[in-house]
Amino acid sequence: MVVLALLAGCASSAGSGSGLSAEDVTGEWVEAGSEPRVYLELADDGALSGSDGCNQLTGAWEIDGSEVDFGDLGSTMMACEDVDTWLSGAGSATVSGDELTVLDADGTEIGTLERST
């Protein structure tokens, strides 16, 4: 029990390169100025929902050290003209303060979202 308290006390804030907490990640993240609206909602139970601006996204997320792993995302398959559906390619993300940097399955940055206020 004492060990757990010490480990929790050593945890540092998001963006420092160390482990994330659910508090660092949960909530709504949006692409600033996107129209149609691009967003992810990360629930505290590990559920994920959102939109890539065209299709609805669903799935799950979990913390893996200093990254957020999205696993496999489910998506509707609507065809939308003039909409960049980059978010549907999300594989993981990093968090730095109020910015979520989204990475594809290869770890390449594909976009950023901001914490919704």
Protein backbone atom coordinates (compact mmCIF):
# COMPACT_ATOMS: atom_id res chain seq x y z
CA MET A 1 0.00 0.00 0.00
CA VAL A 2 2.83 2.40 0.80
CA VAL A 3 4.48 1.52 -2.53
CA LEU A 4 1.34 2.55 -4.43
CA ALA A 5 1.24 5.88 -2.66
CA LEU A 6 4.90 6.50 -3.48
CA LEU A 7 4.42 5.61 -7.13
CA ALA A 8 1.43 7.90 -7.43
CA GLY A 9 3.45 10.67 -5.83
CA CYS A 10 6.18 10.24 -8.43
CA ALA A 11 3.87 10.57 -11.40
CA SER A 12 4.44 13.73 -13.35
CA SER A 13 2.19 15.84 -15.52
CA ALA A 14 1.29 15.17 -19.15
CA GLY A 15 3.81 16.07 -21.76
CA SER A 16 6.85 15.44 -19.60
CA GLY A 17 7.62 12.14 -21.30
CA SER A 18 6.47 10.03 -18.38
CA GLY A 19 3.20 8.20 -17.86
CA LEU A 20 -0.17 9.80 -18.47
CA SER A 21 -3.17 9.59 -16.18
CA ALA A 22 -6.81 9.24 -17.21
CA GLU A 23 -7.32 12.84 -16.07
CA ASP A 24 -4.75 13.99 -18.67
CA VAL A 25 -6.71 12.29 -21.46
CA THR A 26 -10.46 12.14 -20.76
CA GLY A 27 -12.77 14.72 -22.25
CA GLU A 28 -13.51 16.21 -25.63
CA TRP A 29 -10.74 17.08 -28.10
CA VAL A 30 -11.54 19.17 -31.19
CA GLU A 31 -9.78 20.39 -34.32
CA ALA A 32 -9.79 24.17 -34.03
CA GLY A 33 -11.93 25.84 -36.66
CA SER A 34 -13.02 22.59 -38.30
CA GLU A 35 -16.24 22.66 -40.28
CA PRO A 36 -17.74 20.13 -40.30
CA ARG A 37 -16.63 19.53 -36.73
CA VAL A 38 -13.74 17.09 -36.16
CA TYR A 39 -13.53 15.75 -32.59
CA LEU A 40 -12.86 12.84 -30.25
CA GLU A 41 -14.62 12.22 -26.95
CA LEU A 42 -12.54 10.05 -24.62
CA ALA A 43 -14.71 8.77 -21.76
CA ASP A 44 -13.29 7.76 -18.40
CA ASP A 45 -14.51 4.17 -18.95
CA GLY A 46 -12.20 3.78 -21.98
CA ALA A 47 -14.87 4.39 -24.63
CA LEU A 48 -14.11 6.59 -27.62
CA SER A 49 -16.56 8.40 -29.90
CA GLY A 50 -16.23 11.23 -32.36
CA SER A 51 -16.31 12.36 -35.95
CA ASP A 52 -13.69 12.84 -38.65
CA GLY A 53 -15.87 15.55 -40.15
CA CYS A 54 -17.77 13.05 -42.27
CA ASN A 55 -18.00 9.68 -40.52
CA GLN A 56 -18.84 8.78 -36.94
CA LEU A 57 -16.00 7.05 -35.06
CA THR A 58 -16.28 4.56 -32.21
CA GLY A 59 -13.79 2.46 -30.33
CA ALA A 60 -11.79 2.25 -27.16
CA TRP A 61 -8.69 3.89 -25.78
CA GLU A 62 -6.14 3.06 -23.12
CA ILE A 63 -3.03 4.64 -21.71
CA ASP A 64 0.23 2.98 -22.72
CA GLY A 65 2.93 4.80 -20.77
CA SER A 66 3.21 8.28 -22.27
CA GLU A 67 0.86 7.57 -25.20
CA VAL A 68 -2.83 6.98 -25.75
CA ASP A 69 -3.54 3.82 -27.76
CA PHE A 70 -6.75 3.91 -29.78
CA GLY A 71 -6.68 0.30 -30.98
CA ASP A 72 -9.07 -0.42 -33.84
CA LEU A 73 -11.57 2.34 -34.61
CA GLY A 74 -14.96 1.59 -36.11
CA SER A 75 -16.36 4.08 -38.58
CA THR A 76 -19.38 4.73 -40.71
CA MET A 77 -18.51 4.68 -44.41
CA MET A 78 -20.10 7.82 -45.86
CA ALA A 79 -18.44 9.53 -48.81
CA CYS A 80 -18.09 13.25 -48.25
CA GLU A 81 -16.69 15.64 -50.82
CA ASP A 82 -14.06 18.18 -49.77
CA VAL A 83 -13.64 16.71 -46.27
CA ASP A 84 -10.21 15.57 -45.06
CA THR A 85 -11.00 12.46 -42.99
CA TRP A 86 -7.51 12.22 -41.45
CA LEU A 87 -8.84 11.41 -37.98
CA SER A 88 -10.19 8.03 -39.11
CA GLY A 89 -6.53 6.94 -39.47
CA ALA A 90 -5.74 7.50 -35.77
CA GLY A 91 -3.72 4.77 -34.11
CA SER A 92 -2.38 6.56 -31.04
CA ALA A 93 -1.73 10.01 -29.61
CA THR A 94 0.47 11.98 -27.28
CA VAL A 95 -0.73 14.69 -24.91
CA SER A 96 1.07 17.93 -24.13
CA GLY A 97 -1.03 20.18 -21.95
CA ASP A 98 -4.23 20.93 -23.88
CA GLU A 99 -2.99 19.49 -27.19
CA LEU A 100 -3.54 15.93 -28.42
CA THR A 101 -1.14 15.01 -31.24
CA VAL A 102 -2.70 12.21 -33.27
CA LEU A 103 -0.46 9.56 -34.85
CA ASP A 104 -1.28 6.92 -37.46
CA ALA A 105 -0.51 3.20 -37.03
CA ASP A 106 3.12 3.82 -38.09
CA GLY A 107 3.61 6.56 -35.50
CA THR A 108 3.54 9.41 -38.02
CA GLU A 109 1.83 12.62 -36.91
CA ILE A 110 -1.41 13.12 -38.86
CA GLY A 111 -3.00 16.04 -36.97
CA THR A 112 -3.70 17.76 -33.68
CA LEU A 113 -6.76 18.32 -31.54
CA GLU A 114 -7.25 20.77 -28.69
CA ARG A 115 -8.99 20.14 -25.39
CA SER A 116 -12.50 21.56 -25.59
CA THR A 117 -13.35 24.08 -22.91
